[in-house]
Structures are given as structure tokens and as C-alpha cells.
Amino acid sequence: MAVVDVRNLEGKTVGQVELADAVFAAGVNPHLLHETVRWYLASQRAGTHKTKGRGEVSGSGRKLWRQKGTGRARVGSIRSSIWRKGGTVHGPQPRSYAYKLPRKMVLGALRSALSAKLADEKLTVVDGWTLNSHRTKEFRQALDRLDGETRTILLVEGEGNHNLELASRNLDGVRVVAPSALQPYDLLRHERVMLSKEMALHLGRSLGPAGAGVASAEAAPAAKEPAPAKPAAKEARPKAAKAPKAAATAAMPAARKSAAKPKTPKAPKAPKGKE
């Protein structure tokens, strides 16, 4: 692990802290940094540009002259785009330039930016930002004792430090950002990054990979349980012997036979008489 000196607001070294190699000693990926900066700047665009179309510019909708017989080109409206002060065709309209970027790319870019700052010796770990007053002058003196040559400084500190927020907001080139809102663009834009000891350890835990034991336990497939024994095949039931058709006919109830309608005999036809 990388070992960095911890300094107090007086500029004196008061100890050391070990930073996670997965976060502060990772490989720098320039392409990943470029993609995240481009994504961040695109999301910051307002996208409020607007041009007037043919139906939005001022002018009458009356046909200027008749279609034929004048010798001039046919025209339908004074608001046509080929006329002076006419509408704009395919002009910019309000829209959002933001797009989605995978979170793994953003986390990888944060690790690359923090590693680059540590490799360039542009990262300072402070014991704590405990200010007795919110006055800007005293805070500026503390920054000069830590690093008086740097003009742009990014301070990473959790929310709730009211004195730090008030003392730093009037300093040009100094910005305070919470670790949850930290962006690779902020790390690259400022020359020096100052972290409190607590925030340095917090970033090492939040940006680093999960513990090896937990990861291996989750990645290892669970042992297959023995498949339950299949139930024994059901005993075949003996099929009843089919009765012969003759016996089935004999077993027909007598009531069904008696219910059948008897056929009535036809009356004999009378002989035809001779005329």
C-alpha cells in the first residue's frame, strides 16, 4: 500500500496513512478519463438554443401574387425560408445533451485520476479541517502553510463542515466537494487535491473492489445437492376384461327395449273402381 504523510493545518507532519493500492496506485487510463470528461461537460450544457421556423416568424400568410401570368417565380408566403427574414430550416431546437455512462467507467476514471495525482505528488492528506472561525483570511493562511504555490485546489470533505464551506466560497480557484459528488473532471481541472484522513480512507473503501473473501464466496458456485430419488413406478393395475358384445346386448335393461315405439301397420289401399 502507498504510504502518505498526514499534515495538520499548521503545515507540520503528524503521522502517516496507508492508502489502498486499488484506488490510489491503479493504472492510468487516458481514454477512460477523456470519455468521462466529455460525458460530464455534455451533461452541463443548458441546451436552450432555439431558432424560429416558418410558422413562428412574423409575416402574412397571404399569397403575394397569382400563380401564373406575371413572369415571376411562383411564391406562396413571405415567411418562406428563401426570403429575407423568413423562417430557419432545420435550425437548433431545445434539447438535452446528457447521455448515460456506465457507472463502472466513472469509478474507473476516479481511480485513474486519484492515482495520477498521487504519482505526480499533487495529493495532500490533512489530519482534519477543524476551523475555529469561518473567516476567509485565516483559511487562506492555512492553505498557504500546506501549499502556498498552488493556485487551484480541490478539497474533498464530507457535508456538515459549515466553517469550511463559508471560508472557502470566496476564494478563487478553491472548491469544496463531497466524496459522493466527486467527478474525474474536478480532479483533472484542479492542480492539487487535498483530502482529510477520514475521506482518504473512505474513498479507498468505496472505490476499491470488494473484499477477497466475500468476492470469492459470491463467485464460487454452490455445491450441487444430490438429486432426490425418483419415486418408484406405480404398480400396473390389471385391466378388466372386456365383455363380449353379445353379453352386453343381453344385459341391456328391458325398460329400454319397451320404451321403443312399436311400428303401426299401414292400412291396405282400396282397389280402384272401374269408370
C-alpha atoms as a PDB file:
ATOM      1  CA  MET A   1       0.000   0.000   0.000  1.00  0.00           C
ATOM      2  CA  ALA A   2       1.069   3.579  -0.657  1.00  0.00           C
ATOM      3  CA  VAL A   3       2.145   5.443   2.485  1.00  0.00           C
ATOM      4  CA  VAL A   4       1.445   9.191   2.579  1.00  0.00           C
ATOM      5  CA  ASP A   5       2.318  11.754   5.239  1.00  0.00           C
ATOM      6  CA  VAL A   6      -0.533  13.321   7.190  1.00  0.00           C
ATOM      7  CA  ARG A   7      -0.190  17.054   7.856  1.00  0.00           C
ATOM      8  CA  ASN A   8      -2.119  19.396  10.107  1.00  0.00           C
ATOM      9  CA  LEU A   9      -3.322  22.922   9.358  1.00  0.00           C
ATOM     10  CA  GLU A  10      -0.028  24.297  10.663  1.00  0.00           C
ATOM     11  CA  GLY A  11       1.834  22.508   7.884  1.00  0.00           C
ATOM     12  CA  LYS A  12       3.577  20.005  10.179  1.00  0.00           C
ATOM     13  CA  THR A  13       3.671  16.241   9.622  1.00  0.00           C
ATOM     14  CA  VAL A  14       1.746  14.471  12.387  1.00  0.00           C
ATOM     15  CA  GLY A  15       1.678  10.899  11.087  1.00  0.00           C
ATOM     16  CA  GLN A  16       1.251   8.623   8.099  1.00  0.00           C
ATOM     17  CA  VAL A  17      -1.626   6.792   6.459  1.00  0.00           C
ATOM     18  CA  GLU A  18      -1.756   3.794   4.156  1.00  0.00           C
ATOM     19  CA  LEU A  19      -3.844   4.292   1.017  1.00  0.00           C
ATOM     20  CA  ALA A  20      -5.431   1.449  -0.926  1.00  0.00           C
ATOM     21  CA  ASP A  21      -3.398   0.455  -3.978  1.00  0.00           C
ATOM     22  CA  ALA A  22      -6.571  -0.443  -5.908  1.00  0.00           C
ATOM     23  CA  VAL A  23      -7.664   3.216  -5.757  1.00  0.00           C
ATOM     24  CA  PHE A  24      -4.515   5.344  -5.387  1.00  0.00           C
ATOM     25  CA  ALA A  25      -1.994   3.163  -7.253  1.00  0.00           C
ATOM     26  CA  ALA A  26      -4.091   1.898 -10.158  1.00  0.00           C
ATOM     27  CA  GLY A  27      -3.128   2.188 -13.805  1.00  0.00           C
ATOM     28  CA  VAL A  28      -3.994   5.476 -15.522  1.00  0.00           C
ATOM     29  CA  ASN A  29      -6.383   5.068 -18.462  1.00  0.00           C
ATOM     30  CA  PRO A  30      -6.304   8.262 -20.605  1.00  0.00           C
ATOM     31  CA  HIS A  31      -9.149   7.089 -22.862  1.00  0.00           C
ATOM     32  CA  LEU A  32     -11.404   6.482 -19.871  1.00  0.00           C
ATOM     33  CA  LEU A  33     -10.616   9.927 -18.482  1.00  0.00           C
ATOM     34  CA  HIS A  34     -11.428  11.513 -21.833  1.00  0.00           C
ATOM     35  CA  GLU A  35     -14.793   9.737 -22.053  1.00  0.00           C
ATOM     36  CA  THR A  36     -15.852  10.726 -18.534  1.00  0.00           C
ATOM     37  CA  VAL A  37     -14.828  14.379 -19.017  1.00  0.00           C
ATOM     38  CA  ARG A  38     -16.742  14.516 -22.298  1.00  0.00           C
ATOM     39  CA  TRP A  39     -19.798  12.953 -20.598  1.00  0.00           C
ATOM     40  CA  TYR A  40     -19.638  15.412 -17.687  1.00  0.00           C
ATOM     41  CA  LEU A  41     -19.303  18.506 -19.894  1.00  0.00           C
ATOM     42  CA  ALA A  42     -22.155  17.331 -22.122  1.00  0.00           C
ATOM     43  CA  SER A  43     -24.449  16.983 -19.119  1.00  0.00           C
ATOM     44  CA  GLN A  44     -23.610  20.546 -18.050  1.00  0.00           C
ATOM     45  CA  ARG A  45     -24.869  22.080 -21.301  1.00  0.00           C
ATOM     46  CA  ALA A  46     -28.121  24.031 -20.973  1.00  0.00           C
ATOM     47  CA  GLY A  47     -29.413  23.134 -24.426  1.00  0.00           C
ATOM     48  CA  THR A  48     -31.674  26.219 -24.590  1.00  0.00           C
ATOM     49  CA  HIS A  49     -30.732  27.241 -28.149  1.00  0.00           C
ATOM     50  CA  LYS A  50     -33.707  27.965 -30.388  1.00  0.00           C
ATOM     51  CA  THR A  51     -34.380  29.303 -33.894  1.00  0.00           C
ATOM     52  CA  LYS A  52     -37.753  30.345 -35.336  1.00  0.00           C
ATOM     53  CA  GLY A  53     -39.276  28.225 -38.054  1.00  0.00           C
ATOM     54  CA  ARG A  54     -41.555  29.204 -40.885  1.00  0.00           C
ATOM     55  CA  GLY A  55     -44.634  29.159 -38.674  1.00  0.00           C
ATOM     56  CA  GLU A  56     -43.056  31.325 -35.947  1.00  0.00           C
ATOM     57  CA  VAL A  57     -41.669  34.371 -37.787  1.00  0.00           C
ATOM     58  CA  SER A  58     -43.816  37.460 -38.361  1.00  0.00           C
ATOM     59  CA  GLY A  59     -45.495  37.936 -41.722  1.00  0.00           C
ATOM     60  CA  SER A  60     -48.771  37.427 -43.520  1.00  0.00           C
ATOM     61  CA  GLY A  61     -49.811  34.068 -44.888  1.00  0.00           C
ATOM     62  CA  ARG A  62     -51.376  35.656 -47.965  1.00  0.00           C
ATOM     63  CA  LYS A  63     -50.149  34.606 -51.397  1.00  0.00           C
ATOM     64  CA  LEU A  64     -48.151  37.535 -52.741  1.00  0.00           C
ATOM     65  CA  TRP A  65     -49.228  37.353 -56.404  1.00  0.00           C
ATOM     66  CA  ARG A  66     -51.098  34.990 -58.627  1.00  0.00           C
ATOM     67  CA  GLN A  67     -49.603  31.704 -59.664  1.00  0.00           C
ATOM     68  CA  LYS A  68     -49.340  32.315 -63.394  1.00  0.00           C
ATOM     69  CA  GLY A  69     -49.131  35.172 -65.825  1.00  0.00           C
ATOM     70  CA  THR A  70     -46.737  37.527 -64.006  1.00  0.00           C
ATOM     71  CA  GLY A  71     -43.492  36.183 -65.372  1.00  0.00           C
ATOM     72  CA  ARG A  72     -42.087  35.867 -61.867  1.00  0.00           C
ATOM     73  CA  ALA A  73     -41.363  32.758 -59.878  1.00  0.00           C
ATOM     74  CA  ARG A  74     -44.298  31.286 -58.032  1.00  0.00           C
ATOM     75  CA  VAL A  75     -44.391  32.049 -54.303  1.00  0.00           C
ATOM     76  CA  GLY A  76     -46.828  31.141 -51.581  1.00  0.00           C
ATOM     77  CA  SER A  77     -45.756  33.007 -48.448  1.00  0.00           C
ATOM     78  CA  ILE A  78     -43.483  35.831 -47.404  1.00  0.00           C
ATOM     79  CA  ARG A  79     -42.328  33.671 -44.476  1.00  0.00           C
ATOM     80  CA  SER A  80     -40.578  31.194 -46.771  1.00  0.00           C
ATOM     81  CA  SER A  81     -37.058  30.257 -45.733  1.00  0.00           C
ATOM     82  CA  ILE A  82     -35.550  31.505 -49.019  1.00  0.00           C
ATOM     83  CA  TRP A  83     -36.805  35.021 -48.333  1.00  0.00           C
ATOM     84  CA  ARG A  84     -35.154  37.638 -46.175  1.00  0.00           C
ATOM     85  CA  LYS A  85     -36.456  37.476 -42.571  1.00  0.00           C
ATOM     86  CA  GLY A  86     -38.034  34.132 -43.346  1.00  0.00           C
ATOM     87  CA  GLY A  87     -38.065  31.051 -41.130  1.00  0.00           C
ATOM     88  CA  THR A  88     -34.994  28.921 -40.476  1.00  0.00           C
ATOM     89  CA  VAL A  89     -34.975  25.377 -41.813  1.00  0.00           C
ATOM     90  CA  HIS A  90     -33.571  22.595 -39.597  1.00  0.00           C
ATOM     91  CA  GLY A  91     -32.278  25.085 -37.025  1.00  0.00           C
ATOM     92  CA  PRO A  92     -31.260  24.102 -33.471  1.00  0.00           C
ATOM     93  CA  GLN A  93     -34.097  23.349 -31.063  1.00  0.00           C
ATOM     94  CA  PRO A  94     -34.038  22.976 -27.255  1.00  0.00           C
ATOM     95  CA  ARG A  95     -32.787  19.557 -26.233  1.00  0.00           C
ATOM     96  CA  SER A  96     -30.739  17.778 -23.605  1.00  0.00           C
ATOM     97  CA  TYR A  97     -27.153  16.772 -24.396  1.00  0.00           C
ATOM     98  CA  ALA A  98     -26.901  14.404 -21.436  1.00  0.00           C
ATOM     99  CA  TYR A  99     -26.412  10.708 -22.049  1.00  0.00           C
ATOM    100  CA  LYS A 100     -25.912   7.703 -19.840  1.00  0.00           C
ATOM    101  CA  LEU A 101     -22.443   6.405 -18.985  1.00  0.00           C
ATOM    102  CA  PRO A 102     -21.861   3.089 -17.208  1.00  0.00           C
ATOM    103  CA  ARG A 103     -21.059   3.579 -13.532  1.00  0.00           C
ATOM    104  CA  LYS A 104     -18.063   1.253 -13.777  1.00  0.00           C
ATOM    105  CA  MET A 105     -16.463   3.664 -16.248  1.00  0.00           C
ATOM    106  CA  VAL A 106     -16.948   6.603 -13.860  1.00  0.00           C
ATOM    107  CA  LEU A 107     -15.454   4.657 -10.938  1.00  0.00           C
ATOM    108  CA  GLY A 108     -12.526   3.541 -13.087  1.00  0.00           C
ATOM    109  CA  ALA A 109     -11.885   7.138 -14.154  1.00  0.00           C
ATOM    110  CA  LEU A 110     -11.923   8.271 -10.496  1.00  0.00           C
ATOM    111  CA  ARG A 111      -9.306   5.659  -9.637  1.00  0.00           C
ATOM    112  CA  SER A 112      -7.183   6.737 -12.610  1.00  0.00           C
ATOM    113  CA  ALA A 113      -7.377  10.426 -11.666  1.00  0.00           C
ATOM    114  CA  LEU A 114      -6.537   9.819  -7.994  1.00  0.00           C
ATOM    115  CA  SER A 115      -3.637   7.559  -8.968  1.00  0.00           C
ATOM    116  CA  ALA A 116      -2.296  10.198 -11.360  1.00  0.00           C
ATOM    117  CA  LYS A 117      -2.442  12.876  -8.643  1.00  0.00           C
ATOM    118  CA  LEU A 118      -0.576  10.671  -6.186  1.00  0.00           C
ATOM    119  CA  ALA A 119       2.057   9.723  -8.778  1.00  0.00           C
ATOM    120  CA  ASP A 120       2.621  13.419  -9.598  1.00  0.00           C
ATOM    121  CA  GLU A 121       2.847  14.269  -5.868  1.00  0.00           C
ATOM    122  CA  LYS A 122      -0.185  16.532  -6.157  1.00  0.00           C
ATOM    123  CA  LEU A 123      -2.218  14.869  -3.408  1.00  0.00           C
ATOM    124  CA  THR A 124      -2.137  16.050   0.206  1.00  0.00           C
ATOM    125  CA  VAL A 125      -3.716  14.299   3.183  1.00  0.00           C
ATOM    126  CA  VAL A 126      -4.750  16.617   6.027  1.00  0.00           C
ATOM    127  CA  ASP A 127      -5.424  15.496   9.563  1.00  0.00           C
ATOM    128  CA  GLY A 128      -8.757  17.332   9.628  1.00  0.00           C
ATOM    129  CA  TRP A 129     -10.484  20.541   8.582  1.00  0.00           C
ATOM    130  CA  THR A 130     -11.335  21.757  12.067  1.00  0.00           C
ATOM    131  CA  LEU A 131     -11.542  25.527  11.691  1.00  0.00           C
ATOM    132  CA  ASN A 132     -12.200  27.765  14.676  1.00  0.00           C
ATOM    133  CA  SER A 133     -13.702  30.501  12.523  1.00  0.00           C
ATOM    134  CA  HIS A 134     -15.386  30.944   9.170  1.00  0.00           C
ATOM    135  CA  ARG A 135     -13.115  33.849   8.213  1.00  0.00           C
ATOM    136  CA  THR A 136     -11.557  33.534   4.781  1.00  0.00           C
ATOM    137  CA  LYS A 137      -8.273  35.165   5.781  1.00  0.00           C
ATOM    138  CA  GLU A 138      -7.416  32.507   8.377  1.00  0.00           C
ATOM    139  CA  PHE A 139      -8.322  29.705   5.994  1.00  0.00           C
ATOM    140  CA  ARG A 140      -6.166  31.235   3.243  1.00  0.00           C
ATOM    141  CA  GLN A 141      -3.217  31.320   5.624  1.00  0.00           C
ATOM    142  CA  ALA A 142      -3.741  27.633   6.427  1.00  0.00           C
ATOM    143  CA  LEU A 143      -3.737  26.759   2.715  1.00  0.00           C
ATOM    144  CA  ASP A 144      -0.537  28.740   2.227  1.00  0.00           C
ATOM    145  CA  ARG A 145       1.153  26.755   5.001  1.00  0.00           C
ATOM    146  CA  LEU A 146       0.073  23.483   3.367  1.00  0.00           C
ATOM    147  CA  ASP A 147       0.952  24.522  -0.197  1.00  0.00           C
ATOM    148  CA  GLY A 148       1.321  28.184  -0.996  1.00  0.00           C
ATOM    149  CA  GLU A 149       2.385  27.763  -4.631  1.00  0.00           C
ATOM    150  CA  THR A 150      -0.749  26.034  -5.925  1.00  0.00           C
ATOM    151  CA  ARG A 151      -3.424  28.292  -7.388  1.00  0.00           C
ATOM    152  CA  THR A 152      -6.261  25.761  -7.905  1.00  0.00           C
ATOM    153  CA  ILE A 153      -7.093  23.406  -5.029  1.00  0.00           C
ATOM    154  CA  LEU A 154      -9.854  20.810  -4.707  1.00  0.00           C
ATOM    155  CA  LEU A 155     -10.893  19.987  -1.144  1.00  0.00           C
ATOM    156  CA  VAL A 156     -12.702  16.693  -0.575  1.00  0.00           C
ATOM    157  CA  GLU A 157     -14.672  16.827   2.657  1.00  0.00           C
ATOM    158  CA  GLY A 158     -17.973  15.425   3.872  1.00  0.00           C
ATOM    159  CA  GLU A 159     -21.064  17.541   4.361  1.00  0.00           C
ATOM    160  CA  GLY A 160     -21.631  19.341   7.655  1.00  0.00           C
ATOM    161  CA  ASN A 161     -18.403  21.372   7.969  1.00  0.00           C
ATOM    162  CA  HIS A 162     -20.085  24.783   7.909  1.00  0.00           C
ATOM    163  CA  ASN A 163     -16.968  26.826   8.668  1.00  0.00           C
ATOM    164  CA  LEU A 164     -15.065  25.221   5.799  1.00  0.00           C
ATOM    165  CA  GLU A 165     -17.859  25.939   3.333  1.00  0.00           C
ATOM    166  CA  LEU A 166     -18.111  29.605   4.343  1.00  0.00           C
ATOM    167  CA  ALA A 167     -14.347  30.203   4.463  1.00  0.00           C
ATOM    168  CA  SER A 168     -13.650  28.676   1.031  1.00  0.00           C
ATOM    169  CA  ARG A 169     -16.513  30.008  -1.079  1.00  0.00           C
ATOM    170  CA  ASN A 170     -14.893  33.432  -1.647  1.00  0.00           C
ATOM    171  CA  LEU A 171     -11.503  32.046  -2.700  1.00  0.00           C
ATOM    172  CA  ASP A 172     -10.908  31.963  -6.432  1.00  0.00           C
ATOM    173  CA  GLY A 173      -9.656  28.548  -7.574  1.00  0.00           C
ATOM    174  CA  VAL A 174     -10.633  26.719  -4.355  1.00  0.00           C
ATOM    175  CA  ARG A 175     -13.599  24.360  -4.327  1.00  0.00           C
ATOM    176  CA  VAL A 176     -15.037  22.026  -1.689  1.00  0.00           C
ATOM    177  CA  VAL A 177     -16.791  18.884  -2.890  1.00  0.00           C
ATOM    178  CA  ALA A 178     -18.333  15.930  -1.058  1.00  0.00           C
ATOM    179  CA  PRO A 179     -16.962  12.449  -1.849  1.00  0.00           C
ATOM    180  CA  SER A 180     -20.368  11.358  -3.206  1.00  0.00           C
ATOM    181  CA  ALA A 181     -20.280  14.238  -5.742  1.00  0.00           C
ATOM    182  CA  LEU A 182     -16.635  13.831  -6.751  1.00  0.00           C
ATOM    183  CA  GLN A 183     -16.094  13.785 -10.527  1.00  0.00           C
ATOM    184  CA  PRO A 184     -12.993  12.960 -12.608  1.00  0.00           C
ATOM    185  CA  TYR A 185     -13.373  16.366 -14.273  1.00  0.00           C
ATOM    186  CA  ASP A 186     -12.896  18.115 -10.906  1.00  0.00           C
ATOM    187  CA  LEU A 187      -9.744  16.113 -10.166  1.00  0.00           C
ATOM    188  CA  LEU A 188      -8.214  16.928 -13.553  1.00  0.00           C
ATOM    189  CA  ARG A 189      -9.233  20.592 -13.531  1.00  0.00           C
ATOM    190  CA  HIS A 190      -7.579  21.437 -10.203  1.00  0.00           C
ATOM    191  CA  GLU A 191      -3.825  21.299  -9.800  1.00  0.00           C
ATOM    192  CA  ARG A 192      -3.786  19.938  -6.233  1.00  0.00           C
ATOM    193  CA  VAL A 193      -6.181  17.677  -4.329  1.00  0.00           C
ATOM    194  CA  MET A 194      -6.426  17.865  -0.532  1.00  0.00           C
ATOM    195  CA  LEU A 195      -8.167  15.099   1.389  1.00  0.00           C
ATOM    196  CA  SER A 196      -8.836  14.721   5.040  1.00  0.00           C
ATOM    197  CA  LYS A 197      -7.556  11.498   6.548  1.00  0.00           C
ATOM    198  CA  GLU A 198     -11.089  10.231   7.064  1.00  0.00           C
ATOM    199  CA  MET A 199     -12.070  10.958   3.439  1.00  0.00           C
ATOM    200  CA  ALA A 200      -8.935   9.257   2.091  1.00  0.00           C
ATOM    201  CA  LEU A 201      -9.825   6.052   3.910  1.00  0.00           C
ATOM    202  CA  HIS A 202     -13.461   6.411   2.851  1.00  0.00           C
ATOM    203  CA  LEU A 203     -12.530   6.691  -0.836  1.00  0.00           C
ATOM    204  CA  GLY A 204     -10.269   3.669  -0.501  1.00  0.00           C
ATOM    205  CA  ARG A 205     -13.225   1.622   0.745  1.00  0.00           C
ATOM    206  CA  SER A 206     -15.929   2.964  -1.563  1.00  0.00           C
ATOM    207  CA  LEU A 207     -13.952   2.977  -4.835  1.00  0.00           C
ATOM    208  CA  GLY A 208     -11.948  -0.188  -4.207  1.00  0.00           C
ATOM    209  CA  PRO A 209     -13.071  -3.711  -5.063  1.00  0.00           C
ATOM    210  CA  ALA A 210     -14.930  -5.833  -2.543  1.00  0.00           C
ATOM    211  CA  GLY A 211     -13.059  -7.968  -0.002  1.00  0.00           C
ATOM    212  CA  ALA A 212     -11.383 -11.062  -1.365  1.00  0.00           C
ATOM    213  CA  GLY A 213     -13.233 -13.428   0.981  1.00  0.00           C
ATOM    214  CA  VAL A 214     -16.640 -12.045   0.167  1.00  0.00           C
ATOM    215  CA  ALA A 215     -15.924 -11.884  -3.545  1.00  0.00           C
ATOM    216  CA  SER A 216     -14.641 -15.453  -3.673  1.00  0.00           C
ATOM    217  CA  ALA A 217     -17.608 -16.694  -1.686  1.00  0.00           C
ATOM    218  CA  GLU A 218     -20.026 -14.969  -4.020  1.00  0.00           C
ATOM    219  CA  ALA A 219     -18.192 -16.039  -7.159  1.00  0.00           C
ATOM    220  CA  ALA A 220     -17.823 -19.708  -6.182  1.00  0.00           C
ATOM    221  CA  PRO A 221     -20.781 -21.772  -7.394  1.00  0.00           C
ATOM    222  CA  ALA A 222     -22.751 -23.510  -4.695  1.00  0.00           C
ATOM    223  CA  ALA A 223     -22.266 -27.272  -4.357  1.00  0.00           C
ATOM    224  CA  LYS A 224     -24.982 -29.167  -6.131  1.00  0.00           C
ATOM    225  CA  GLU A 225     -27.251 -31.103  -3.822  1.00  0.00           C
ATOM    226  CA  PRO A 226     -27.879 -34.728  -4.720  1.00  0.00           C
ATOM    227  CA  ALA A 227     -30.963 -35.082  -6.820  1.00  0.00           C
ATOM    228  CA  PRO A 228     -33.855 -36.717  -4.938  1.00  0.00           C
ATOM    229  CA  ALA A 229     -34.568 -40.312  -5.814  1.00  0.00           C
ATOM    230  CA  LYS A 230     -37.313 -40.741  -8.299  1.00  0.00           C
ATOM    231  CA  PRO A 231     -40.442 -42.369  -6.851  1.00  0.00           C
ATOM    232  CA  ALA A 232     -40.966 -45.982  -7.688  1.00  0.00           C
ATOM    233  CA  ALA A 233     -43.051 -46.687 -10.718  1.00  0.00           C
ATOM    234  CA  LYS A 234     -46.724 -47.143  -9.963  1.00  0.00           C
ATOM    235  CA  GLU A 235     -47.922 -50.721  -9.971  1.00  0.00           C
ATOM    236  CA  ALA A 236     -49.808 -51.500 -13.089  1.00  0.00           C
ATOM    237  CA  ARG A 237     -53.431 -52.065 -12.370  1.00  0.00           C
ATOM    238  CA  PRO A 238     -54.939 -55.094 -14.030  1.00  0.00           C
ATOM    239  CA  LYS A 239     -57.282 -54.099 -16.765  1.00  0.00           C
ATOM    240  CA  ALA A 240     -60.749 -55.504 -16.582  1.00  0.00           C
ATOM    241  CA  ALA A 241     -61.570 -57.964 -19.334  1.00  0.00           C
ATOM    242  CA  LYS A 242     -63.921 -56.592 -21.908  1.00  0.00           C
ATOM    243  CA  ALA A 243     -67.275 -58.298 -22.025  1.00  0.00           C
ATOM    244  CA  PRO A 244     -68.309 -59.682 -25.407  1.00  0.00           C
ATOM    245  CA  LYS A 245     -70.774 -57.704 -27.456  1.00  0.00           C
ATOM    246  CA  ALA A 246     -73.415 -60.398 -27.208  1.00  0.00           C
ATOM    247  CA  ALA A 247     -73.319 -60.348 -23.415  1.00  0.00           C
ATOM    248  CA  ALA A 248     -73.506 -56.557 -23.404  1.00  0.00           C
ATOM    249  CA  THR A 249     -76.556 -56.637 -25.602  1.00  0.00           C
ATOM    250  CA  ALA A 250     -78.207 -59.190 -23.357  1.00  0.00           C
ATOM    251  CA  ALA A 251     -77.545 -57.075 -20.318  1.00  0.00           C
ATOM    252  CA  MET A 252     -79.459 -54.120 -21.759  1.00  0.00           C
ATOM    253  CA  PRO A 253     -82.342 -53.322 -19.415  1.00  0.00           C
ATOM    254  CA  ALA A 254     -85.758 -54.420 -20.506  1.00  0.00           C
ATOM    255  CA  ALA A 255     -87.218 -50.996 -19.834  1.00  0.00           C
ATOM    256  CA  ARG A 256     -85.099 -49.518 -22.605  1.00  0.00           C
ATOM    257  CA  LYS A 257     -86.425 -52.113 -25.040  1.00  0.00           C
ATOM    258  CA  SER A 258     -90.006 -51.497 -24.013  1.00  0.00           C
ATOM    259  CA  ALA A 259     -89.528 -47.775 -24.407  1.00  0.00           C
ATOM    260  CA  ALA A 260     -89.006 -48.229 -28.141  1.00  0.00           C
ATOM    261  CA  LYS A 261     -92.108 -47.171 -30.143  1.00  0.00           C
ATOM    262  CA  PRO A 262     -93.910 -50.095 -31.879  1.00  0.00           C
ATOM    263  CA  LYS A 263     -94.375 -49.789 -35.601  1.00  0.00           C
ATOM    264  CA  THR A 264     -98.035 -49.280 -36.629  1.00  0.00           C
ATOM    265  CA  PRO A 265     -99.188 -51.388 -39.634  1.00  0.00           C
ATOM    266  CA  LYS A 266    -100.167 -49.452 -42.715  1.00  0.00           C
ATOM    267  CA  ALA A 267    -103.836 -49.632 -43.836  1.00  0.00           C
ATOM    268  CA  PRO A 268    -104.411 -51.519 -47.089  1.00  0.00           C
ATOM    269  CA  LYS A 269    -105.174 -49.380 -50.075  1.00  0.00           C
ATOM    270  CA  ALA A 270    -108.669 -49.571 -51.537  1.00  0.00           C
ATOM    271  CA  PRO A 271    -108.938 -51.084 -55.026  1.00  0.00           C
ATOM    272  CA  LYS A 272    -109.536 -48.592 -57.806  1.00  0.00           C
ATOM    273  CA  GLY A 273    -113.048 -48.861 -59.251  1.00  0.00           C
ATOM    274  CA  LYS A 274    -113.708 -49.040 -62.959  1.00  0.00           C
ATOM    275  CA  GLU A 275    -115.245 -45.976 -64.557  1.00  0.00           C
END
